[in-house]
N, C-alpha and C. Protein backbone atom coordinates (compact mmCIF):
# COMPACT_ATOMS: atom_id res chain seq x y z
N MET A 1 1.02 -1.69 -0.12
CA MET A 1 0.13 0.45 -0.17
C MET A 1 0.98 1.57 -0.13
N ARG A 2 0.47 2.05 -0.46
CA ARG A 2 1.23 3.56 -0.60
C ARG A 2 0.95 3.99 0.89
N SER A 3 1.77 4.70 1.42
CA SER A 3 1.33 5.26 2.40
C SER A 3 2.51 6.64 2.86
N PHE A 4 2.01 7.33 3.61
CA PHE A 4 2.94 8.29 4.10
C PHE A 4 2.18 9.15 5.90
N VAL A 5 3.26 10.30 5.87
CA VAL A 5 2.42 10.45 7.69
C VAL A 5 2.48 11.75 7.08
N ALA A 6 1.74 12.72 7.86
CA ALA A 6 1.11 13.90 7.32
C ALA A 6 0.39 14.23 8.71
N LEU A 7 0.11 15.85 8.81
CA LEU A 7 -0.22 16.87 9.84
C LEU A 7 -2.06 16.89 8.84
N PRO A 8 -2.76 16.75 9.21
CA PRO A 8 -4.12 17.13 8.55
C PRO A 8 -4.40 18.55 8.93
N VAL A 9 -4.93 19.09 7.82
CA VAL A 9 -5.31 20.37 7.69
C VAL A 9 -6.80 20.57 7.84
N PRO A 10 -7.20 21.05 9.00
CA PRO A 10 -8.49 20.94 9.91
C PRO A 10 -9.47 21.54 8.85
N THR A 11 -10.80 21.06 8.64
CA THR A 11 -11.71 21.45 8.24
C THR A 11 -12.27 22.76 8.21
N ALA A 12 -11.85 23.62 9.26
CA ALA A 12 -12.31 25.25 9.41
C ALA A 12 -11.33 25.64 8.37
N VAL A 13 -10.01 25.50 8.68
CA VAL A 13 -9.10 26.13 7.76
C VAL A 13 -9.30 25.81 6.05
N ALA A 14 -9.82 24.11 5.63
CA ALA A 14 -10.12 23.91 4.26
C ALA A 14 -11.13 24.86 4.06
N THR A 15 -12.02 25.27 4.73
CA THR A 15 -12.95 25.36 4.28
C THR A 15 -13.11 27.40 4.03
N MET A 16 -11.86 27.31 4.82
CA MET A 16 -11.75 29.34 4.34
C MET A 16 -10.82 29.16 3.32
N ILE A 17 -10.14 28.16 2.67
CA ILE A 17 -9.34 27.92 1.71
C ILE A 17 -10.16 27.58 0.19
N GLN A 18 -11.20 26.88 -0.07
CA GLN A 18 -11.71 26.70 -0.70
C GLN A 18 -12.48 27.49 -1.48
N PRO A 19 -12.80 28.85 -1.01
CA PRO A 19 -13.72 29.78 -2.11
C PRO A 19 -12.34 30.59 -2.69
N ALA A 20 -10.77 30.51 -2.82
CA ALA A 20 -10.07 31.07 -3.60
C ALA A 20 -9.75 29.67 -4.23
N VAL A 21 -9.71 28.58 -3.91
CA VAL A 21 -9.19 27.77 -4.36
C VAL A 21 -10.70 27.48 -5.71
N GLY A 22 -11.51 27.63 -4.92
CA GLY A 22 -12.84 27.41 -6.23
C GLY A 22 -12.70 28.28 -7.50
N VAL A 23 -12.17 29.74 -6.84
CA VAL A 23 -11.85 30.33 -8.24
C VAL A 23 -10.89 30.05 -9.30
N LEU A 24 -9.65 29.29 -8.72
CA LEU A 24 -8.68 28.67 -9.40
C LEU A 24 -9.35 27.63 -10.62
N ARG A 25 -10.12 26.61 -9.90
CA ARG A 25 -10.61 25.68 -10.41
C ARG A 25 -11.60 25.85 -11.68
N ASP A 26 -12.32 26.59 -11.28
CA ASP A 26 -13.40 27.58 -12.20
C ASP A 26 -12.69 28.05 -13.70
N ARG A 27 -11.31 28.17 -13.24
CA ARG A 27 -10.98 29.29 -14.46
C ARG A 27 -10.14 27.97 -14.89
N TRP A 28 -9.54 27.11 -14.38
CA TRP A 28 -8.42 25.78 -14.65
C TRP A 28 -8.67 24.84 -14.52
N PRO A 29 -10.17 24.33 -14.92
CA PRO A 29 -11.21 23.23 -14.87
C PRO A 29 -10.03 21.71 -15.57
N GLY A 30 -8.69 21.97 -16.24
CA GLY A 30 -8.23 20.98 -16.45
C GLY A 30 -7.05 20.20 -15.87
N LEU A 31 -6.67 20.98 -15.06
CA LEU A 31 -5.79 20.97 -14.04
C LEU A 31 -6.22 19.38 -12.79
N ARG A 32 -5.24 18.95 -12.10
CA ARG A 32 -5.51 17.87 -11.48
C ARG A 32 -5.27 18.71 -9.84
N TRP A 33 -6.94 19.36 -9.79
CA TRP A 33 -6.62 19.69 -8.08
C TRP A 33 -7.10 18.73 -7.37
N THR A 34 -6.00 18.86 -5.93
CA THR A 34 -6.22 18.17 -4.79
C THR A 34 -7.63 18.28 -4.10
N ASP A 35 -8.41 17.24 -3.79
CA ASP A 35 -9.38 17.57 -3.15
C ASP A 35 -9.51 17.71 -1.07
N PRO A 36 -10.19 18.47 -1.33
CA PRO A 36 -10.06 19.72 0.38
C PRO A 36 -10.54 18.57 1.16
N LEU A 37 -11.20 17.54 1.26
CA LEU A 37 -11.67 16.43 2.44
C LEU A 37 -9.88 16.12 2.43
N GLY A 38 -8.85 15.60 1.38
CA GLY A 38 -7.71 15.44 1.81
C GLY A 38 -6.48 16.11 2.02
N TRP A 39 -6.95 17.29 2.39
CA TRP A 39 -5.53 18.50 2.29
C TRP A 39 -4.54 18.11 3.66
N HIS A 40 -3.67 17.90 3.58
CA HIS A 40 -3.06 17.54 4.63
C HIS A 40 -1.32 18.06 3.93
N LEU A 41 -0.33 18.08 5.45
CA LEU A 41 1.20 18.56 5.12
C LEU A 41 1.72 17.59 5.60
N THR A 42 2.56 16.46 4.27
CA THR A 42 2.94 15.54 4.28
C THR A 42 4.55 16.07 5.04
N LEU A 43 4.73 14.87 6.03
CA LEU A 43 6.28 15.04 6.89
C LEU A 43 6.98 13.81 6.34
N ALA A 44 6.65 12.82 5.58
CA ALA A 44 7.38 11.66 5.48
C ALA A 44 6.48 10.95 4.34
N PHE A 45 6.98 10.77 2.97
CA PHE A 45 5.99 10.00 1.49
C PHE A 45 7.04 8.69 1.83
N LEU A 46 6.20 7.67 2.32
CA LEU A 46 7.20 6.16 2.40
C LEU A 46 7.11 5.04 0.90
N GLY A 47 6.02 5.84 0.11
CA GLY A 47 5.44 4.80 -0.85
C GLY A 47 5.35 3.60 -0.66
N GLU A 48 5.58 2.20 -1.48
CA GLU A 48 4.63 1.33 -0.74
C GLU A 48 5.55 0.67 0.00
N VAL A 49 4.59 -0.17 1.02
CA VAL A 49 5.12 -0.80 2.36
C VAL A 49 3.55 -1.70 2.64
N ASP A 50 4.04 -3.01 2.92
CA ASP A 50 3.59 -4.16 3.34
C ASP A 50 2.70 -3.64 4.33
N ASP A 51 1.82 -4.68 5.15
CA ASP A 51 0.66 -4.23 5.98
C ASP A 51 1.72 -4.59 7.41
N ALA A 52 2.96 -5.15 7.84
CA ALA A 52 3.38 -5.42 8.64
C ALA A 52 4.34 -3.95 8.90
N THR A 53 4.39 -3.87 8.08
CA THR A 53 5.95 -2.62 8.12
C THR A 53 5.13 -1.47 8.09
N ALA A 54 3.46 -1.20 7.80
CA ALA A 54 2.49 -0.60 8.32
C ALA A 54 1.88 0.06 9.53
N THR A 55 1.97 -0.92 10.14
CA THR A 55 1.64 -1.23 11.55
C THR A 55 3.18 -0.66 12.72
N ALA A 56 4.28 -1.32 12.00
CA ALA A 56 5.75 -1.18 12.37
C ALA A 56 5.59 0.46 12.39
N VAL A 57 5.28 1.32 11.65
CA VAL A 57 5.40 2.54 11.21
C VAL A 57 4.69 3.28 12.02
N CYS A 58 3.02 2.83 12.41
CA CYS A 58 2.44 3.13 13.17
C CYS A 58 2.83 3.52 14.47
N ASP A 59 3.58 2.66 14.97
CA ASP A 59 4.31 1.81 16.46
C ASP A 59 5.43 3.07 16.50
N ALA A 60 6.16 3.19 15.29
CA ALA A 60 7.52 3.89 15.76
C ALA A 60 6.94 5.66 15.66
N VAL A 61 6.53 5.63 15.00
CA VAL A 61 5.67 7.15 15.01
C VAL A 61 5.25 7.69 16.01
N ARG A 62 4.61 6.85 16.66
CA ARG A 62 3.65 7.02 17.87
C ARG A 62 5.13 7.07 19.19
N SER A 63 5.84 6.44 19.43
CA SER A 63 6.71 6.58 19.93
C SER A 63 7.55 7.98 19.79
N ALA A 64 7.97 8.11 18.82
CA ALA A 64 8.48 9.26 18.05
C ALA A 64 8.10 10.50 18.60
N VAL A 65 6.61 10.58 18.37
CA VAL A 65 6.23 12.19 18.65
C VAL A 65 5.54 12.27 20.14
N ALA A 66 5.53 11.14 20.97
CA ALA A 66 5.30 10.86 21.90
C ALA A 66 5.27 12.15 23.06
N ASP A 67 6.26 12.94 23.27
CA ASP A 67 6.36 14.42 23.32
C ASP A 67 6.48 15.35 22.76
N VAL A 68 5.89 15.35 21.72
CA VAL A 68 6.21 16.40 20.78
C VAL A 68 5.21 17.41 21.25
N PRO A 69 5.26 18.53 21.45
CA PRO A 69 3.94 19.66 21.36
C PRO A 69 3.31 19.73 20.17
N SER A 70 1.88 20.30 20.63
CA SER A 70 1.27 20.67 18.94
C SER A 70 2.29 21.95 18.91
N VAL A 71 2.13 21.97 16.97
CA VAL A 71 2.33 22.37 16.42
C VAL A 71 1.56 23.71 15.97
N ALA A 72 2.05 25.46 16.05
CA ALA A 72 1.08 26.44 15.27
C ALA A 72 2.12 26.42 13.99
N VAL A 73 0.95 26.27 12.89
CA VAL A 73 1.18 26.31 11.30
C VAL A 73 0.70 27.59 11.06
N ARG A 74 1.14 28.53 9.93
CA ARG A 74 0.55 29.28 9.28
C ARG A 74 0.54 29.07 7.84
N LEU A 75 0.02 29.56 7.15
CA LEU A 75 -0.63 29.47 5.68
C LEU A 75 -0.27 30.84 5.18
N PRO A 76 -0.08 31.52 4.33
CA PRO A 76 0.24 32.73 3.68
C PRO A 76 -0.97 33.16 3.23
N GLY A 77 -1.39 34.27 2.02
CA GLY A 77 -2.49 34.34 1.87
C GLY A 77 -2.09 34.66 0.24
N SER A 78 -1.00 33.74 -0.05
CA SER A 78 -0.33 33.58 -1.49
C SER A 78 0.31 32.34 -1.66
N ALA A 79 -0.29 32.34 -3.54
CA ALA A 79 0.59 30.63 -3.44
C ALA A 79 1.77 31.00 -4.18
N ASP A 80 2.47 29.56 -4.34
CA ASP A 80 3.98 29.34 -4.90
C ASP A 80 3.75 28.33 -5.88
N THR A 81 5.01 27.99 -6.42
CA THR A 81 5.19 26.73 -7.11
C THR A 81 6.25 26.12 -6.20
N ALA A 82 5.89 24.71 -6.61
CA ALA A 82 6.97 23.81 -6.34
C ALA A 82 8.57 23.71 -6.71
N PRO A 83 9.44 24.31 -5.78
CA PRO A 83 11.06 24.35 -6.30
C PRO A 83 11.01 23.57 -7.25
N GLY A 84 11.42 23.58 -8.54
CA GLY A 84 12.28 22.49 -9.57
C GLY A 84 10.77 21.61 -10.46
N SER A 85 9.94 22.01 -9.78
CA SER A 85 8.65 21.34 -10.31
C SER A 85 8.38 21.34 -11.51
N ARG A 86 7.65 20.65 -12.01
CA ARG A 86 7.31 20.73 -13.72
C ARG A 86 5.78 21.04 -13.65
N GLY A 87 5.42 21.90 -12.61
CA GLY A 87 3.90 22.45 -12.41
C GLY A 87 3.00 22.17 -11.09
N ILE A 88 3.34 21.80 -9.97
CA ILE A 88 2.65 22.06 -9.09
C ILE A 88 2.64 23.36 -8.63
N VAL A 89 1.41 23.32 -7.91
CA VAL A 89 1.06 24.50 -7.14
C VAL A 89 0.89 24.37 -5.91
N TRP A 90 1.20 25.06 -4.82
CA TRP A 90 1.10 24.55 -3.39
C TRP A 90 1.02 26.28 -2.57
N LEU A 91 0.69 25.88 -1.30
CA LEU A 91 0.87 26.98 -0.60
C LEU A 91 1.76 26.89 0.63
N PRO A 92 2.91 27.06 0.72
CA PRO A 92 4.00 27.17 1.65
C PRO A 92 3.59 27.58 2.97
N VAL A 93 4.25 26.74 3.83
CA VAL A 93 3.99 26.58 5.21
C VAL A 93 4.87 27.22 6.10
N THR A 94 4.47 28.03 7.02
CA THR A 94 5.63 28.63 7.65
C THR A 94 5.15 27.74 9.05
N SER A 95 6.43 27.31 9.93
CA SER A 95 6.11 26.88 11.27
C SER A 95 7.63 26.35 11.59
N PRO A 96 8.27 27.32 12.52
CA PRO A 96 9.64 26.50 13.13
C PRO A 96 9.63 25.26 13.34
N PRO A 97 8.89 24.82 14.15
CA PRO A 97 9.22 23.31 14.62
C PRO A 97 9.21 22.38 13.66
N LEU A 98 8.21 22.67 12.72
CA LEU A 98 8.00 21.69 11.78
C LEU A 98 9.54 20.47 10.78
N PRO A 99 10.01 21.38 10.55
CA PRO A 99 11.63 20.50 9.91
C PRO A 99 11.85 19.33 11.11
N ALA A 100 11.70 19.96 12.16
CA ALA A 100 12.57 19.19 12.94
C ALA A 100 11.55 17.65 13.31
N LEU A 101 10.42 18.22 13.44
CA LEU A 101 9.04 17.53 13.61
C LEU A 101 9.16 16.31 12.43
N ALA A 102 8.92 16.75 11.17
CA ALA A 102 9.43 15.85 9.72
C ALA A 102 10.27 15.14 9.69
N GLU A 103 11.52 15.50 10.28
CA GLU A 103 12.98 14.76 10.82
C GLU A 103 12.85 13.87 11.85
N GLY A 104 12.51 14.25 12.71
CA GLY A 104 12.59 12.96 13.99
C GLY A 104 11.17 11.77 13.08
N VAL A 105 9.86 12.32 12.41
CA VAL A 105 8.85 11.07 11.71
C VAL A 105 9.62 10.81 10.82
N ARG A 106 10.19 11.01 9.89
CA ARG A 106 11.46 10.51 8.85
C ARG A 106 11.94 9.26 9.86
N ASP A 107 13.01 9.63 10.93
CA ASP A 107 13.63 8.65 11.11
C ASP A 107 13.13 7.45 11.88
N ALA A 108 11.85 8.05 12.43
CA ALA A 108 10.91 6.87 13.04
C ALA A 108 10.42 6.13 11.65
N CYS A 109 10.45 6.32 10.77
CA CYS A 109 9.80 5.56 9.58
C CYS A 109 10.86 4.69 9.23
N ASP A 110 12.03 5.45 8.99
CA ASP A 110 13.54 4.55 8.74
C ASP A 110 13.73 3.32 9.43
N ALA A 111 13.41 3.97 11.37
CA ALA A 111 13.93 2.76 11.81
C ALA A 111 13.14 1.63 11.74
N ALA A 112 11.44 1.93 11.83
CA ALA A 112 10.58 0.70 11.16
C ALA A 112 10.85 -0.10 10.05
N GLY A 113 11.75 0.56 9.34
CA GLY A 113 11.85 -0.32 7.83
C GLY A 113 11.25 0.16 6.77
N ALA A 114 10.66 1.34 6.65
CA ALA A 114 9.94 2.42 5.55
C ALA A 114 10.99 3.37 5.35
N PRO A 115 11.98 3.37 5.03
CA PRO A 115 12.86 4.55 4.39
C PRO A 115 11.98 5.38 3.44
N PRO A 116 12.02 7.10 4.17
CA PRO A 116 10.83 7.55 3.05
C PRO A 116 11.64 8.19 2.54
N ASP A 117 10.86 8.89 1.36
CA ASP A 117 11.72 9.46 0.31
C ASP A 117 12.66 11.08 1.17
N ARG A 118 14.10 10.90 0.83
CA ARG A 118 14.57 12.02 1.39
C ARG A 118 15.78 12.43 0.30
N ASP A 119 15.19 12.13 -0.87
CA ASP A 119 15.68 12.85 -2.29
C ASP A 119 15.76 14.59 -2.12
N ARG A 120 14.36 14.91 -1.71
CA ARG A 120 14.36 16.61 -1.66
C ARG A 120 14.56 16.67 -0.09
N ALA A 121 14.85 18.23 0.09
CA ALA A 121 14.49 18.86 1.74
C ALA A 121 13.28 19.19 1.26
N PHE A 122 13.28 18.92 3.11
CA PHE A 122 11.17 19.07 3.49
C PHE A 122 11.03 20.43 3.55
N ARG A 123 10.17 20.83 3.23
CA ARG A 123 9.51 21.96 2.86
C ARG A 123 7.56 21.41 3.10
N GLY A 124 7.70 22.57 4.59
CA GLY A 124 5.95 21.89 4.62
C GLY A 124 5.11 23.05 3.85
N HIS A 125 4.14 22.26 3.04
CA HIS A 125 3.37 22.81 2.13
C HIS A 125 1.94 21.87 2.01
N LEU A 126 0.96 22.57 1.47
CA LEU A 126 -0.30 22.36 1.23
C LEU A 126 -0.36 22.17 -0.76
N THR A 127 -0.69 21.10 -1.20
CA THR A 127 -0.60 21.00 -2.54
C THR A 127 -2.10 21.17 -2.97
N LEU A 128 -2.13 22.73 -3.79
CA LEU A 128 -3.49 22.65 -4.53
C LEU A 128 -3.83 21.99 -5.82
N CYS A 129 -2.82 22.09 -6.89
CA CYS A 129 -3.00 21.21 -7.93
C CYS A 129 -1.77 21.09 -8.27
N ARG A 130 -1.62 20.04 -9.34
CA ARG A 130 -0.52 19.69 -10.44
C ARG A 130 -1.54 20.23 -12.23
N VAL A 131 -0.37 20.19 -12.53
CA VAL A 131 -0.54 21.05 -14.25
C VAL A 131 -0.11 19.53 -14.84
N PRO A 132 -1.17 18.64 -15.84
CA PRO A 132 -1.01 17.70 -16.54
C PRO A 132 -0.29 18.30 -17.40
N ARG A 133 1.18 17.34 -17.72
CA ARG A 133 1.81 17.57 -18.82
C ARG A 133 1.28 17.95 -20.16
N ARG A 134 0.41 16.93 -20.47
CA ARG A 134 -0.13 17.07 -21.55
C ARG A 134 -1.17 18.40 -21.62
N SER A 135 -1.28 18.85 -21.34
CA SER A 135 -2.42 20.69 -20.69
C SER A 135 -1.80 21.76 -21.53
N THR A 136 -0.23 21.26 -21.83
CA THR A 136 0.37 22.58 -22.21
C THR A 136 1.99 22.17 -22.34
N ASP A 137 2.44 22.83 -23.13
CA ASP A 137 3.82 22.85 -23.47
C ASP A 137 4.66 23.32 -22.26
N ASP A 138 4.51 24.10 -21.59
CA ASP A 138 5.11 24.50 -20.37
C ASP A 138 4.51 24.64 -19.20
N PRO A 139 4.29 23.37 -18.71
CA PRO A 139 3.35 23.08 -16.92
C PRO A 139 3.93 24.28 -16.33
N ALA A 140 5.63 24.22 -16.27
CA ALA A 140 5.69 24.96 -14.82
C ALA A 140 5.26 26.65 -15.07
N ALA A 141 5.39 27.09 -16.53
CA ALA A 141 4.63 28.31 -16.66
C ALA A 141 3.19 28.44 -15.95
N LEU A 142 2.55 27.45 -16.66
CA LEU A 142 1.40 27.76 -16.11
C LEU A 142 1.02 27.35 -14.88
N ALA A 143 2.17 26.45 -13.40
CA ALA A 143 1.80 26.72 -12.56
C ALA A 143 2.34 27.75 -12.09
N ARG A 144 3.28 28.58 -12.52
CA ARG A 144 3.35 30.03 -12.09
C ARG A 144 2.31 30.90 -12.08
N THR A 145 1.36 30.61 -13.44
CA THR A 145 0.08 31.67 -13.38
C THR A 145 -0.75 31.42 -12.84
N VAL A 146 -1.02 30.29 -12.76
CA VAL A 146 -2.05 30.17 -11.61
C VAL A 146 -1.65 30.25 -9.78
N ALA A 147 -0.55 29.66 -9.63
CA ALA A 147 -0.14 30.47 -8.20
C ALA A 147 -0.39 32.33 -8.11
N ALA A 148 0.23 32.83 -9.37
CA ALA A 148 -0.13 34.02 -9.16
C ALA A 148 -1.61 34.64 -9.27
N ALA A 149 -2.41 33.71 -9.59
CA ALA A 149 -3.77 34.57 -9.35
C ALA A 149 -4.37 33.93 -8.07
N TYR A 150 -3.75 33.11 -7.48
CA TYR A 150 -4.40 32.86 -6.14
C TYR A 150 -4.47 33.86 -4.98
N ASP A 151 -5.91 34.20 -4.51
CA ASP A 151 -5.79 35.26 -3.25
C ASP A 151 -6.45 34.30 -2.58
N GLY A 152 -5.99 34.22 -1.33
CA GLY A 152 -6.77 33.45 -0.08
C GLY A 152 -6.03 34.16 1.05
N PRO A 153 -6.62 33.67 1.94
CA PRO A 153 -6.29 34.31 3.42
C PRO A 153 -5.51 33.70 3.72
N PRO A 154 -4.75 34.53 4.69
CA PRO A 154 -3.37 34.37 5.65
C PRO A 154 -4.14 33.44 6.56
N LEU A 155 -3.86 32.41 7.29
CA LEU A 155 -4.55 31.42 8.00
C LEU A 155 -3.51 30.49 8.94
N SER A 156 -4.00 30.30 10.19
CA SER A 156 -3.17 29.39 11.43
C SER A 156 -3.79 28.80 11.95
N TRP A 157 -3.29 27.77 12.51
CA TRP A 157 -4.15 26.87 13.74
C TRP A 157 -2.83 25.85 13.85
N THR A 158 -3.44 25.11 15.07
CA THR A 158 -2.38 24.50 15.48
C THR A 158 -2.73 23.04 15.55
N ALA A 159 -1.56 22.11 14.82
CA ALA A 159 -1.45 20.66 14.69
C ALA A 159 -1.67 20.29 15.82
N ASP A 160 -2.18 19.35 16.10
CA ASP A 160 -2.64 18.62 17.29
C ASP A 160 -2.63 17.57 17.06
N ARG A 161 -2.10 16.70 15.98
CA ARG A 161 -2.07 15.31 15.90
C ARG A 161 -1.19 14.97 14.54
N VAL A 162 -0.82 13.62 14.57
CA VAL A 162 -0.12 12.97 13.14
C VAL A 162 -0.76 12.25 12.65
N GLU A 163 -1.31 11.96 11.39
CA GLU A 163 -1.71 10.75 11.06
C GLU A 163 -0.52 10.00 10.11
N VAL A 164 -1.01 8.80 10.41
CA VAL A 164 -0.19 7.81 9.21
C VAL A 164 -1.53 7.35 8.08
N LEU A 165 -1.32 7.73 7.03
CA LEU A 165 -2.23 7.34 6.17
C LEU A 165 -2.20 6.21 4.65
N ARG A 166 -3.09 5.53 3.96
CA ARG A 166 -2.86 4.85 3.31
C ARG A 166 -3.24 5.54 2.04
N SER A 167 -2.86 5.71 0.75
CA SER A 167 -3.32 6.78 -0.30
C SER A 167 -3.69 5.56 -1.64
N ASP A 168 -4.72 5.72 -1.81
CA ASP A 168 -5.34 4.45 -2.55
C ASP A 168 -5.88 5.23 -4.00
N ARG A 169 -5.39 4.74 -4.91
CA ARG A 169 -5.15 5.58 -6.44
C ARG A 169 -7.11 5.34 -6.90
N THR A 170 -7.37 6.30 -7.49
CA THR A 170 -9.08 6.09 -7.95
C THR A 170 -9.05 6.85 -9.10
N ALA A 171 -10.08 6.37 -10.26
CA ALA A 171 -9.60 7.06 -11.40
C ALA A 171 -10.17 8.55 -11.30
N THR A 172 -10.72 9.27 -9.72
CA THR A 172 -11.24 10.58 -9.32
C THR A 172 -10.01 11.26 -8.55
N GLY A 173 -8.53 10.22 -8.45
CA GLY A 173 -7.85 10.95 -7.89
C GLY A 173 -7.34 9.93 -6.39
N ALA A 174 -6.80 10.79 -5.69
CA ALA A 174 -6.34 9.72 -4.85
C ALA A 174 -7.53 9.90 -2.90
N ARG A 175 -7.41 8.57 -2.67
CA ARG A 175 -8.69 8.92 -1.81
C ARG A 175 -7.43 8.11 -0.43
N TYR A 176 -7.89 9.29 0.83
CA TYR A 176 -6.64 8.16 1.95
C TYR A 176 -7.47 7.60 3.17
N VAL A 177 -7.27 6.75 3.69
CA VAL A 177 -7.47 6.05 4.49
C VAL A 177 -6.64 6.12 5.74
N GLU A 178 -7.26 6.70 6.97
CA GLU A 178 -6.62 6.99 7.98
C GLU A 178 -6.19 5.69 9.03
N LEU A 179 -4.70 5.38 8.73
CA LEU A 179 -4.38 3.95 9.56
C LEU A 179 -3.79 3.94 11.02
N ALA A 180 -3.62 5.31 11.47
CA ALA A 180 -3.07 5.89 13.02
C ALA A 180 -3.64 7.55 12.62
N SER A 181 -3.83 7.44 14.09
CA SER A 181 -4.01 9.21 14.76
C SER A 181 -3.85 9.32 15.73
N ILE A 182 -2.47 10.11 15.99
CA ILE A 182 -1.64 9.95 16.90
C ILE A 182 -1.36 11.40 17.94
N PRO A 183 -1.79 11.87 18.76
CA PRO A 183 -2.12 12.86 19.08
C PRO A 183 -0.61 13.81 19.79
N LEU A 184 0.06 14.99 19.50
CA LEU A 184 0.74 15.40 20.11
C LEU A 184 0.48 16.15 21.03
N THR A 185 1.50 16.44 22.28
CA THR A 185 0.85 17.26 23.54
C THR A 185 0.86 18.38 23.55
């Protein structure tokens, strides 16, 4: 199963972002928009793991965050594109303790036998959409245009839990299934 560890985006925050995203979705319906019900901040992407490893990850992450306090998270009122991407539009996250939390979670996953993707440095973000390569000759340029058009509210919240999730691919996009919800102190 494809798995990852993330901080969920609260429903109240998602509700506040949706109108700004809806304007963009209406303007560019051919892009692959993420589902607001599944919005999250990925801490560690694990890829394919078996059931036993997923259980070990849940236990390891639970131990790793046992004494970690809740994390203040802030989203800007403007979007950006993922550095080096060929068409990902995201909201960058500001949270000084988030990189250390992500590193601790990644270390726990590694120890549980599910080494996370460490090819890129951790950058907290909320993915809004992906520009399909077939939709334009220059997906990166279109992503920059979409990001520049985003006009959402700056928001903040306190992340009070970490989730281990399974990602099921469907014809309409990914569907996330919670394997564990682990409270932060």
